[in-house]
């Protein structure tokens, strides 16, 4: 799927900017690198950077946690639910959608509580997921609690693609998702902030 997307971008740029060959060089390098990965070879472009500390969890997992935390915050701040009740509700919804922890186990309410605490105590300038958490809450701040919650959860596939091997989306990838008014109101900017590619 990733290679297909890259090929599509190459074709689009070639059609729109036929005289700007240099624009295609990085995408071609990426495409060739992805082919090499399938053969067991890791090129420099896709190789990990050596760091002196633990690299932490994947960005897609961090952003997933940010959205789950935002959903819990909506319930805590806008309904009569306690933190424990809100975390349990979000965990139940995630399980019903087919989401699991990277370990393959069910996501526990206590984990969602911990994710939310992290989003509320760390800085957006230092953690991209915190920025996603804050942006998500900002864009749904004027919506009814259930509408905001539903939209945040339905935005999850855009944060963590269904083919992410660390996540099992189960039925959510096959169920036709409802359409919401947010796209019409906020357009591509909103989709990029919540569920689009991270730049």
N, C-alpha and C. Protein backbone atom coordinates (compact mmCIF):
# COMPACT_ATOMS: atom_id res chain seq x y z
N UNK A 1 0.82 -1.21 0.00
CA UNK A 1 0.00 0.00 0.00
C UNK A 1 0.86 1.27 0.00
N UNK A 2 1.95 1.24 0.77
CA UNK A 2 2.81 2.42 0.82
C UNK A 2 3.45 2.66 -0.55
N UNK A 3 3.92 1.58 -1.17
CA UNK A 3 4.53 1.73 -2.50
C UNK A 3 3.53 2.26 -3.51
N UNK A 4 2.29 1.79 -3.42
CA UNK A 4 1.26 2.27 -4.34
C UNK A 4 1.05 3.77 -4.17
N UNK A 5 1.04 4.23 -2.92
CA UNK A 5 0.87 5.65 -2.65
C UNK A 5 2.04 6.46 -3.21
N UNK A 6 3.25 5.94 -3.04
CA UNK A 6 4.43 6.64 -3.55
C UNK A 6 4.40 6.71 -5.07
N UNK A 7 4.04 5.60 -5.71
CA UNK A 7 3.93 5.59 -7.17
C UNK A 7 2.88 6.60 -7.62
N UNK A 8 1.78 6.68 -6.91
CA UNK A 8 0.74 7.64 -7.25
C UNK A 8 1.25 9.07 -7.16
N UNK A 9 2.04 9.36 -6.12
CA UNK A 9 2.61 10.70 -5.98
C UNK A 9 3.58 11.01 -7.12
N UNK A 10 4.38 10.01 -7.50
CA UNK A 10 5.33 10.21 -8.60
C UNK A 10 4.58 10.52 -9.90
N UNK A 11 3.51 9.77 -10.14
CA UNK A 11 2.73 9.99 -11.35
C UNK A 11 2.06 11.36 -11.34
N UNK A 12 1.55 11.76 -10.18
CA UNK A 12 0.89 13.06 -10.07
C UNK A 12 1.87 14.20 -10.33
N UNK A 13 3.03 14.14 -9.69
CA UNK A 13 4.03 15.19 -9.87
C UNK A 13 4.53 15.22 -11.31
N UNK A 14 4.71 14.04 -11.91
CA UNK A 14 5.16 13.97 -13.29
C UNK A 14 4.17 14.65 -14.24
N UNK A 15 2.87 14.47 -13.93
CA UNK A 15 1.84 15.06 -14.78
C UNK A 15 1.72 16.57 -14.56
N UNK A 16 1.87 17.01 -13.32
CA UNK A 16 1.69 18.43 -13.01
C UNK A 16 2.95 19.25 -13.27
N UNK A 17 4.12 18.63 -13.07
CA UNK A 17 5.38 19.36 -13.25
C UNK A 17 6.33 18.54 -14.11
N UNK A 18 6.02 18.36 -15.37
CA UNK A 18 6.82 17.49 -16.24
C UNK A 18 8.26 17.95 -16.42
N UNK A 19 8.53 19.23 -16.18
CA UNK A 19 9.88 19.75 -16.39
C UNK A 19 10.70 19.82 -15.11
N UNK A 20 10.09 19.42 -13.99
CA UNK A 20 10.79 19.48 -12.70
C UNK A 20 11.18 18.06 -12.27
N UNK A 21 12.14 17.50 -12.99
CA UNK A 21 12.56 16.12 -12.72
C UNK A 21 13.16 15.97 -11.32
N UNK A 22 13.78 17.03 -10.83
CA UNK A 22 14.44 16.95 -9.53
C UNK A 22 13.45 16.68 -8.40
N UNK A 23 12.19 17.07 -8.60
CA UNK A 23 11.18 16.82 -7.57
C UNK A 23 10.94 15.34 -7.35
N UNK A 24 11.23 14.54 -8.36
CA UNK A 24 10.94 13.11 -8.27
C UNK A 24 12.07 12.32 -7.63
N UNK A 25 13.25 12.90 -7.55
CA UNK A 25 14.40 12.15 -7.05
C UNK A 25 14.19 11.59 -5.64
N UNK A 26 13.73 12.39 -4.67
CA UNK A 26 13.53 11.84 -3.32
C UNK A 26 12.47 10.73 -3.29
N UNK A 27 11.39 10.91 -4.06
CA UNK A 27 10.34 9.89 -4.09
C UNK A 27 10.83 8.61 -4.74
N UNK A 28 11.62 8.74 -5.80
CA UNK A 28 12.18 7.55 -6.43
C UNK A 28 13.11 6.82 -5.47
N UNK A 29 13.90 7.58 -4.73
CA UNK A 29 14.81 6.97 -3.75
C UNK A 29 14.01 6.22 -2.69
N UNK A 30 12.92 6.84 -2.25
CA UNK A 30 12.07 6.18 -1.27
C UNK A 30 11.45 4.91 -1.84
N UNK A 31 10.97 4.98 -3.07
CA UNK A 31 10.35 3.82 -3.71
C UNK A 31 11.34 2.66 -3.84
N UNK A 32 12.55 2.98 -4.28
CA UNK A 32 13.56 1.93 -4.43
C UNK A 32 13.92 1.35 -3.06
N UNK A 33 13.95 2.21 -2.05
CA UNK A 33 14.26 1.74 -0.71
C UNK A 33 13.21 0.79 -0.18
N UNK A 34 11.95 1.06 -0.51
CA UNK A 34 10.86 0.18 -0.08
C UNK A 34 10.96 -1.18 -0.77
N UNK A 35 11.33 -1.17 -2.04
CA UNK A 35 11.54 -2.44 -2.74
C UNK A 35 12.69 -3.22 -2.09
N UNK A 36 13.75 -2.50 -1.72
CA UNK A 36 14.89 -3.16 -1.07
C UNK A 36 14.48 -3.79 0.26
N UNK A 37 13.59 -3.12 0.99
CA UNK A 37 13.13 -3.68 2.26
C UNK A 37 12.48 -5.04 2.07
N UNK A 38 11.73 -5.18 0.98
CA UNK A 38 11.09 -6.45 0.70
C UNK A 38 12.11 -7.56 0.45
N UNK A 39 13.32 -7.16 0.04
CA UNK A 39 14.38 -8.14 -0.23
C UNK A 39 15.31 -8.31 0.97
N UNK A 40 14.95 -7.63 2.07
CA UNK A 40 15.76 -7.79 3.28
C UNK A 40 16.90 -6.81 3.41
N UNK A 41 16.99 -5.84 2.52
CA UNK A 41 18.07 -4.85 2.58
C UNK A 41 17.53 -3.51 3.06
N UNK A 42 18.18 -2.93 4.06
CA UNK A 42 17.76 -1.64 4.60
C UNK A 42 18.72 -0.58 4.09
N UNK A 43 18.23 0.32 3.25
CA UNK A 43 19.06 1.40 2.72
C UNK A 43 19.19 2.50 3.76
N UNK A 44 20.16 3.38 3.55
CA UNK A 44 20.44 4.42 4.53
C UNK A 44 19.23 5.31 4.81
N UNK A 45 18.45 5.59 3.75
CA UNK A 45 17.29 6.46 3.90
C UNK A 45 16.31 5.93 4.92
N UNK A 46 16.15 4.61 4.99
CA UNK A 46 15.16 3.99 5.87
C UNK A 46 15.77 3.36 7.12
N UNK A 47 17.06 3.53 7.27
CA UNK A 47 17.72 2.96 8.44
C UNK A 47 17.46 3.79 9.69
N UNK A 48 17.45 3.16 10.86
CA UNK A 48 17.19 3.89 12.10
C UNK A 48 18.37 4.77 12.50
N UNK A 49 18.08 5.87 13.15
CA UNK A 49 19.12 6.75 13.68
C UNK A 49 19.57 6.22 15.03
N UNK A 50 20.86 6.14 15.23
CA UNK A 50 21.37 5.65 16.50
C UNK A 50 21.27 6.75 17.56
N UNK A 51 20.65 6.43 18.67
CA UNK A 51 20.49 7.38 19.77
C UNK A 51 21.01 6.75 21.06
N UNK A 52 21.34 7.59 22.01
CA UNK A 52 21.91 7.11 23.27
C UNK A 52 20.84 6.72 24.29
N UNK A 53 19.57 6.90 23.91
CA UNK A 53 18.48 6.60 24.83
C UNK A 53 17.46 5.74 24.10
N UNK A 54 16.46 5.29 24.84
CA UNK A 54 15.42 4.49 24.22
C UNK A 54 14.62 5.35 23.24
N UNK A 55 14.37 4.87 22.02
CA UNK A 55 13.63 5.67 21.05
C UNK A 55 12.14 5.80 21.36
N UNK A 56 11.66 5.04 22.34
CA UNK A 56 10.25 5.11 22.71
C UNK A 56 9.38 4.34 21.73
N UNK A 57 8.07 4.59 21.79
CA UNK A 57 7.15 3.85 20.93
C UNK A 57 6.99 4.55 19.59
N UNK A 58 6.39 3.87 18.64
CA UNK A 58 6.20 4.41 17.29
C UNK A 58 5.30 5.64 17.33
N UNK A 59 5.53 6.56 16.40
CA UNK A 59 4.72 7.78 16.33
C UNK A 59 3.24 7.47 16.14
N UNK A 60 2.94 6.47 15.29
CA UNK A 60 1.53 6.13 15.07
C UNK A 60 0.86 5.67 16.35
N UNK A 61 1.60 4.94 17.20
CA UNK A 61 1.05 4.50 18.47
C UNK A 61 0.84 5.69 19.42
N UNK A 62 1.79 6.63 19.40
CA UNK A 62 1.66 7.82 20.25
C UNK A 62 0.44 8.64 19.85
N UNK A 63 0.23 8.80 18.54
CA UNK A 63 -0.91 9.58 18.07
C UNK A 63 -2.23 8.87 18.35
N UNK A 64 -2.20 7.55 18.26
CA UNK A 64 -3.38 6.76 18.63
C UNK A 64 -3.74 7.02 20.09
N UNK A 65 -2.75 6.98 20.95
CA UNK A 65 -2.98 7.23 22.38
C UNK A 65 -3.51 8.64 22.62
N UNK A 66 -3.00 9.60 21.85
CA UNK A 66 -3.46 10.98 21.99
C UNK A 66 -4.95 11.10 21.69
N UNK A 67 -5.41 10.43 20.64
CA UNK A 67 -6.81 10.51 20.26
C UNK A 67 -7.70 9.79 21.27
N UNK A 68 -7.23 8.65 21.78
CA UNK A 68 -7.99 7.93 22.81
C UNK A 68 -8.08 8.77 24.07
N UNK A 69 -6.98 9.45 24.40
CA UNK A 69 -6.97 10.33 25.58
C UNK A 69 -7.93 11.50 25.40
N UNK A 70 -7.97 12.05 24.19
CA UNK A 70 -8.89 13.16 23.91
C UNK A 70 -10.33 12.70 24.06
N UNK A 71 -10.62 11.49 23.62
CA UNK A 71 -11.97 10.95 23.76
C UNK A 71 -12.35 10.84 25.23
N UNK A 72 -11.41 10.38 26.04
CA UNK A 72 -11.67 10.27 27.48
C UNK A 72 -11.90 11.65 28.09
N UNK A 73 -11.10 12.62 27.67
CA UNK A 73 -11.26 13.98 28.20
C UNK A 73 -12.64 14.55 27.88
N UNK A 74 -13.14 14.27 26.70
CA UNK A 74 -14.48 14.74 26.33
C UNK A 74 -15.52 14.22 27.31
N UNK A 75 -15.39 12.96 27.70
CA UNK A 75 -16.36 12.38 28.62
C UNK A 75 -16.20 12.93 30.03
N UNK A 76 -14.95 13.11 30.46
CA UNK A 76 -14.71 13.60 31.83
C UNK A 76 -15.18 15.03 32.00
N UNK A 77 -14.88 15.88 31.02
CA UNK A 77 -15.14 17.31 31.16
C UNK A 77 -16.56 17.72 30.75
N UNK A 78 -17.26 16.87 29.97
CA UNK A 78 -18.56 17.29 29.44
C UNK A 78 -19.72 16.43 29.90
N UNK A 79 -19.45 15.39 30.65
CA UNK A 79 -20.53 14.54 31.15
C UNK A 79 -20.34 14.35 32.65
N UNK A 80 -21.22 13.58 33.25
CA UNK A 80 -21.14 13.33 34.69
C UNK A 80 -20.25 12.14 35.01
N UNK A 81 -19.57 11.60 34.02
CA UNK A 81 -18.72 10.42 34.25
C UNK A 81 -17.49 10.77 35.07
N UNK A 82 -17.09 9.82 35.91
CA UNK A 82 -15.82 9.94 36.61
C UNK A 82 -14.70 9.54 35.66
N UNK A 83 -13.45 9.74 36.08
CA UNK A 83 -12.34 9.34 35.23
C UNK A 83 -12.36 7.84 34.97
N UNK A 84 -12.65 7.09 36.01
CA UNK A 84 -12.68 5.63 35.86
C UNK A 84 -13.77 5.20 34.89
N UNK A 85 -14.94 5.82 34.99
CA UNK A 85 -16.05 5.47 34.10
C UNK A 85 -15.74 5.86 32.66
N UNK A 86 -15.15 7.04 32.50
CA UNK A 86 -14.82 7.51 31.15
C UNK A 86 -13.77 6.60 30.49
N UNK A 87 -12.76 6.23 31.26
CA UNK A 87 -11.72 5.35 30.72
C UNK A 87 -12.29 3.99 30.34
N UNK A 88 -13.17 3.48 31.18
CA UNK A 88 -13.81 2.19 30.88
C UNK A 88 -14.67 2.28 29.63
N UNK A 89 -15.37 3.39 29.48
CA UNK A 89 -16.23 3.58 28.31
C UNK A 89 -15.40 3.64 27.02
N UNK A 90 -14.31 4.39 27.04
CA UNK A 90 -13.46 4.50 25.86
C UNK A 90 -12.81 3.15 25.55
N UNK A 91 -12.35 2.46 26.57
CA UNK A 91 -11.73 1.14 26.37
C UNK A 91 -12.73 0.17 25.74
N UNK A 92 -13.97 0.24 26.20
CA UNK A 92 -15.01 -0.64 25.64
C UNK A 92 -15.26 -0.32 24.18
N UNK A 93 -15.31 0.97 23.86
CA UNK A 93 -15.54 1.37 22.47
C UNK A 93 -14.39 0.94 21.57
N UNK A 94 -13.16 1.11 22.05
CA UNK A 94 -12.01 0.72 21.26
C UNK A 94 -12.00 -0.79 21.02
N UNK A 95 -12.34 -1.54 22.04
CA UNK A 95 -12.40 -3.00 21.90
C UNK A 95 -13.45 -3.41 20.88
N UNK A 96 -14.59 -2.73 20.93
CA UNK A 96 -15.69 -3.04 20.01
C UNK A 96 -15.30 -2.70 18.57
N UNK A 97 -14.43 -1.69 18.40
CA UNK A 97 -13.96 -1.31 17.07
C UNK A 97 -12.87 -2.25 16.56
N UNK A 98 -12.32 -3.06 17.48
CA UNK A 98 -11.29 -4.01 17.07
C UNK A 98 -9.87 -3.61 17.43
N UNK A 99 -9.71 -2.48 18.11
CA UNK A 99 -8.38 -2.02 18.48
C UNK A 99 -7.80 -2.85 19.62
N UNK A 100 -6.50 -3.08 19.58
CA UNK A 100 -5.80 -3.78 20.64
C UNK A 100 -4.51 -3.06 20.97
N UNK A 101 -3.95 -3.38 22.12
CA UNK A 101 -2.65 -2.87 22.51
C UNK A 101 -1.61 -3.49 21.58
N UNK A 102 -0.44 -2.81 21.34
CA UNK A 102 0.60 -3.39 20.50
C UNK A 102 1.01 -4.80 20.91
N UNK A 103 0.81 -5.14 22.19
CA UNK A 103 1.15 -6.48 22.66
C UNK A 103 0.17 -7.53 22.18
N UNK A 104 -0.98 -7.07 21.65
CA UNK A 104 -2.02 -7.99 21.21
C UNK A 104 -3.13 -8.17 22.24
N UNK A 105 -2.94 -7.62 23.42
CA UNK A 105 -3.93 -7.74 24.48
C UNK A 105 -4.96 -6.61 24.38
N UNK A 106 -6.06 -6.77 25.11
CA UNK A 106 -7.08 -5.73 25.13
C UNK A 106 -6.53 -4.47 25.80
N UNK A 107 -6.98 -3.32 25.33
CA UNK A 107 -6.59 -2.05 25.94
C UNK A 107 -7.36 -1.88 27.24
N UNK A 108 -6.63 -1.65 28.33
CA UNK A 108 -7.24 -1.53 29.65
C UNK A 108 -7.58 -0.08 29.98
N UNK A 109 -8.64 0.15 30.76
CA UNK A 109 -8.97 1.52 31.18
C UNK A 109 -7.81 2.24 31.85
N UNK A 110 -7.04 1.51 32.66
CA UNK A 110 -5.91 2.13 33.36
C UNK A 110 -4.87 2.66 32.38
N UNK A 111 -4.73 1.99 31.24
CA UNK A 111 -3.78 2.46 30.24
C UNK A 111 -4.24 3.77 29.62
N UNK A 112 -5.54 3.89 29.39
CA UNK A 112 -6.07 5.12 28.81
C UNK A 112 -5.92 6.28 29.80
N UNK A 113 -6.13 6.00 31.08
CA UNK A 113 -5.92 7.02 32.12
C UNK A 113 -4.47 7.50 32.08
N UNK A 114 -3.53 6.57 31.97
CA UNK A 114 -2.11 6.92 31.93
C UNK A 114 -1.78 7.72 30.68
N UNK A 115 -2.37 7.34 29.55
CA UNK A 115 -2.14 8.09 28.31
C UNK A 115 -2.62 9.53 28.45
N UNK A 116 -3.78 9.69 29.07
CA UNK A 116 -4.35 11.04 29.23
C UNK A 116 -3.47 11.88 30.16
N UNK A 117 -2.99 11.27 31.24
CA UNK A 117 -2.12 11.99 32.16
C UNK A 117 -0.88 12.50 31.44
N UNK A 118 -0.33 11.68 30.57
CA UNK A 118 0.85 12.08 29.81
C UNK A 118 0.54 13.25 28.89
N UNK A 119 -0.60 13.18 28.21
CA UNK A 119 -0.98 14.25 27.29
C UNK A 119 -1.22 15.57 28.03
N UNK A 120 -1.65 15.47 29.27
CA UNK A 120 -1.98 16.67 30.03
C UNK A 120 -0.77 17.27 30.74
N UNK A 121 0.29 16.51 30.88
CA UNK A 121 1.44 16.99 31.65
C UNK A 121 2.66 17.32 30.79
N UNK A 122 2.73 16.78 29.57
CA UNK A 122 3.88 17.07 28.72
C UNK A 122 3.58 18.25 27.79
N UNK A 123 4.61 18.75 27.15
CA UNK A 123 4.50 19.94 26.30
C UNK A 123 4.37 19.56 24.83
N UNK A 124 3.51 20.28 24.12
CA UNK A 124 3.32 20.02 22.70
C UNK A 124 4.60 20.27 21.91
N UNK A 125 5.41 21.22 22.37
CA UNK A 125 6.66 21.54 21.69
C UNK A 125 7.66 20.39 21.76
N UNK A 126 7.48 19.51 22.74
CA UNK A 126 8.41 18.41 22.93
C UNK A 126 7.82 17.06 22.55
N UNK A 127 6.52 17.01 22.37
CA UNK A 127 5.86 15.74 22.07
C UNK A 127 4.77 15.99 21.04
N UNK A 128 4.95 15.45 19.85
CA UNK A 128 4.00 15.66 18.76
C UNK A 128 2.61 15.15 19.12
N UNK A 129 2.54 14.07 19.89
CA UNK A 129 1.25 13.51 20.27
C UNK A 129 0.46 14.46 21.15
N UNK A 130 1.16 15.20 22.00
CA UNK A 130 0.48 16.18 22.85
C UNK A 130 -0.15 17.27 22.01
N UNK A 131 0.55 17.68 20.96
CA UNK A 131 -0.01 18.66 20.04
C UNK A 131 -1.25 18.12 19.36
N UNK A 132 -1.23 16.84 18.98
CA UNK A 132 -2.40 16.22 18.35
C UNK A 132 -3.58 16.17 19.34
N UNK A 133 -3.28 15.85 20.59
CA UNK A 133 -4.30 15.80 21.64
C UNK A 133 -4.97 17.16 21.80
N UNK A 134 -4.17 18.20 21.90
CA UNK A 134 -4.70 19.55 22.10
C UNK A 134 -5.49 20.02 20.88
N UNK A 135 -4.99 19.72 19.69
CA UNK A 135 -5.69 20.10 18.46
C UNK A 135 -7.03 19.40 18.36
N UNK A 136 -7.06 18.12 18.70
CA UNK A 136 -8.31 17.36 18.64
C UNK A 136 -9.37 17.97 19.54
N UNK A 137 -8.98 18.32 20.76
CA UNK A 137 -9.94 18.91 21.70
C UNK A 137 -10.39 20.29 21.24
N UNK A 138 -9.49 21.05 20.63
CA UNK A 138 -9.85 22.39 20.16
C UNK A 138 -10.91 22.32 19.07
N UNK A 139 -10.73 21.41 18.12
CA UNK A 139 -11.64 21.36 16.98
C UNK A 139 -13.02 20.83 17.34
N UNK A 140 -13.16 20.10 18.43
CA UNK A 140 -14.48 19.57 18.79
C UNK A 140 -15.03 20.27 20.04
N UNK A 141 -14.42 21.38 20.42
CA UNK A 141 -14.82 22.03 21.68
C UNK A 141 -16.25 22.53 21.69
N UNK A 142 -16.82 22.82 20.53
CA UNK A 142 -18.18 23.36 20.48
C UNK A 142 -19.23 22.30 20.14
N UNK A 143 -18.81 21.05 20.08
CA UNK A 143 -19.74 19.98 19.72
C UNK A 143 -20.33 19.30 20.94
N UNK A 144 -21.47 18.65 20.75
CA UNK A 144 -22.06 17.87 21.82
C UNK A 144 -21.11 16.72 22.19
N UNK A 145 -21.09 16.32 23.46
CA UNK A 145 -20.14 15.29 23.92
C UNK A 145 -20.13 14.03 23.07
N UNK A 146 -21.30 13.46 22.79
CA UNK A 146 -21.33 12.22 22.04
C UNK A 146 -20.89 12.41 20.59
N UNK A 147 -21.24 13.56 20.00
CA UNK A 147 -20.81 13.84 18.63
C UNK A 147 -19.30 13.99 18.57
N UNK A 148 -18.73 14.69 19.54
CA UNK A 148 -17.28 14.87 19.59
C UNK A 148 -16.58 13.54 19.80
N UNK A 149 -17.11 12.75 20.73
CA UNK A 149 -16.51 11.45 21.02
C UNK A 149 -16.55 10.53 19.80
N UNK A 150 -17.69 10.48 19.16
CA UNK A 150 -17.83 9.62 17.98
C UNK A 150 -16.87 10.03 16.89
N UNK A 151 -16.75 11.32 16.66
CA UNK A 151 -15.85 11.77 15.60
C UNK A 151 -14.40 11.46 15.93
N UNK A 152 -13.98 11.68 17.15
CA UNK A 152 -12.60 11.42 17.53
C UNK A 152 -12.25 9.95 17.32
N UNK A 153 -13.15 9.07 17.71
CA UNK A 153 -12.89 7.64 17.55
C UNK A 153 -12.90 7.23 16.08
N UNK A 154 -13.77 7.84 15.30
CA UNK A 154 -13.82 7.51 13.88
C UNK A 154 -12.64 8.10 13.12
N UNK A 155 -11.93 9.04 13.74
CA UNK A 155 -10.74 9.61 13.10
C UNK A 155 -9.51 8.72 13.32
N UNK A 156 -9.62 7.72 14.19
CA UNK A 156 -8.48 6.89 14.52
C UNK A 156 -7.84 6.18 13.33
N UNK A 157 -8.62 5.61 12.39
CA UNK A 157 -7.97 4.95 11.26
C UNK A 157 -7.06 5.86 10.46
N UNK A 158 -7.34 7.16 10.47
CA UNK A 158 -6.47 8.10 9.78
C UNK A 158 -5.17 8.33 10.53
N UNK A 159 -5.19 8.10 11.85
CA UNK A 159 -3.99 8.26 12.67
C UNK A 159 -3.13 7.00 12.60
N UNK A 160 -3.77 5.85 12.74
CA UNK A 160 -3.08 4.56 12.68
C UNK A 160 -3.74 3.72 11.58
N UNK A 161 -3.13 3.67 10.40
CA UNK A 161 -3.73 2.94 9.28
C UNK A 161 -4.09 1.51 9.63
N UNK A 162 -5.11 0.99 8.98
CA UNK A 162 -5.62 -0.34 9.28
C UNK A 162 -4.59 -1.43 9.05
N UNK A 163 -3.61 -1.17 8.20
CA UNK A 163 -2.60 -2.18 7.93
C UNK A 163 -1.41 -2.09 8.87
N UNK A 164 -1.49 -1.21 9.85
CA UNK A 164 -0.44 -1.13 10.86
C UNK A 164 -0.35 -2.47 11.56
N UNK A 165 0.79 -3.19 11.48
CA UNK A 165 0.87 -4.52 12.07
C UNK A 165 0.77 -4.54 13.58
N UNK A 166 0.91 -3.38 14.23
CA UNK A 166 0.83 -3.36 15.68
C UNK A 166 -0.58 -3.17 16.19
N UNK A 167 -1.50 -2.91 15.28
CA UNK A 167 -2.88 -2.66 15.69
C UNK A 167 -3.82 -3.54 14.90
N UNK A 168 -4.85 -4.05 15.55
CA UNK A 168 -5.84 -4.88 14.89
C UNK A 168 -7.15 -4.13 14.89
N UNK A 169 -7.56 -3.62 13.72
CA UNK A 169 -8.77 -2.82 13.65
C UNK A 169 -10.02 -3.67 13.49
N UNK A 170 -9.88 -4.94 13.20
CA UNK A 170 -11.02 -5.85 13.15
C UNK A 170 -12.16 -5.32 12.31
N UNK A 171 -13.34 -5.30 12.91
CA UNK A 171 -14.55 -4.95 12.18
C UNK A 171 -14.54 -3.51 11.70
N UNK A 172 -13.80 -2.63 12.36
CA UNK A 172 -13.84 -1.22 12.00
C UNK A 172 -13.35 -0.97 10.58
N UNK A 173 -12.49 -1.86 10.05
CA UNK A 173 -11.98 -1.66 8.70
C UNK A 173 -12.99 -2.10 7.65
N UNK A 174 -13.99 -2.87 8.06
CA UNK A 174 -14.95 -3.37 7.10
C UNK A 174 -16.30 -2.66 7.21
N UNK A 175 -16.52 -1.98 8.32
CA UNK A 175 -17.79 -1.32 8.54
C UNK A 175 -17.77 0.05 7.87
N UNK A 176 -18.82 0.39 7.21
CA UNK A 176 -18.90 1.70 6.57
C UNK A 176 -19.11 2.75 7.64
N UNK A 177 -18.17 3.70 7.70
CA UNK A 177 -18.24 4.70 8.76
C UNK A 177 -19.20 5.82 8.38
N UNK A 178 -19.86 6.35 9.40
CA UNK A 178 -20.83 7.42 9.17
C UNK A 178 -20.10 8.69 8.75
N UNK A 179 -20.78 9.52 8.00
CA UNK A 179 -20.22 10.79 7.58
C UNK A 179 -20.63 11.87 8.58
N UNK A 180 -19.69 12.77 8.87
CA UNK A 180 -19.95 13.84 9.82
C UNK A 180 -19.79 15.19 9.15
N UNK A 181 -20.30 16.19 9.79
CA UNK A 181 -20.29 17.53 9.20
C UNK A 181 -18.93 18.20 9.30
N UNK A 182 -17.99 17.61 10.05
CA UNK A 182 -16.71 18.26 10.26
C UNK A 182 -15.95 18.48 8.96
N UNK A 183 -15.97 17.49 8.06
CA UNK A 183 -15.24 17.63 6.81
C UNK A 183 -15.72 18.85 6.04
N UNK A 184 -17.03 19.02 5.97
CA UNK A 184 -17.59 20.14 5.23
C UNK A 184 -17.25 21.47 5.92
N UNK A 185 -17.22 21.43 7.25
CA UNK A 185 -17.00 22.67 7.99
C UNK A 185 -15.54 23.08 8.00
N UNK A 186 -14.64 22.11 8.24
CA UNK A 186 -13.24 22.43 8.43
C UNK A 186 -12.35 22.04 7.25
N UNK A 187 -12.83 21.14 6.39
CA UNK A 187 -12.09 20.77 5.19
C UNK A 187 -10.82 20.00 5.46
N UNK A 188 -9.90 20.08 4.50
CA UNK A 188 -8.67 19.29 4.54
C UNK A 188 -7.80 19.64 5.73
N UNK A 189 -7.84 20.89 6.18
CA UNK A 189 -7.00 21.30 7.30
C UNK A 189 -7.32 20.48 8.53
N UNK A 190 -8.61 20.27 8.78
CA UNK A 190 -9.01 19.51 9.95
C UNK A 190 -8.59 18.05 9.83
N UNK A 191 -8.80 17.46 8.64
CA UNK A 191 -8.44 16.06 8.46
C UNK A 191 -6.94 15.87 8.60
N UNK A 192 -6.17 16.86 8.18
CA UNK A 192 -4.72 16.77 8.31
C UNK A 192 -4.31 16.85 9.78
N UNK A 193 -4.96 17.74 10.53
CA UNK A 193 -4.62 17.91 11.94
C UNK A 193 -4.91 16.65 12.75
N UNK A 194 -6.03 16.00 12.44
CA UNK A 194 -6.44 14.85 13.25
C UNK A 194 -6.00 13.52 12.67
N UNK A 195 -6.31 13.29 11.43
CA UNK A 195 -6.07 11.97 10.90
C UNK A 195 -5.15 11.89 9.72
N UNK A 196 -4.56 13.01 9.33
CA UNK A 196 -3.71 12.98 8.15
C UNK A 196 -2.28 12.62 8.47
N UNK A 197 -1.47 12.67 7.46
CA UNK A 197 -0.06 12.34 7.63
C UNK A 197 0.61 13.38 8.51
N UNK A 198 1.55 12.94 9.29
CA UNK A 198 2.29 13.84 10.18
C UNK A 198 3.50 14.34 9.44
N UNK A 199 3.69 15.62 9.44
CA UNK A 199 4.86 16.19 8.75
C UNK A 199 5.90 16.65 9.74
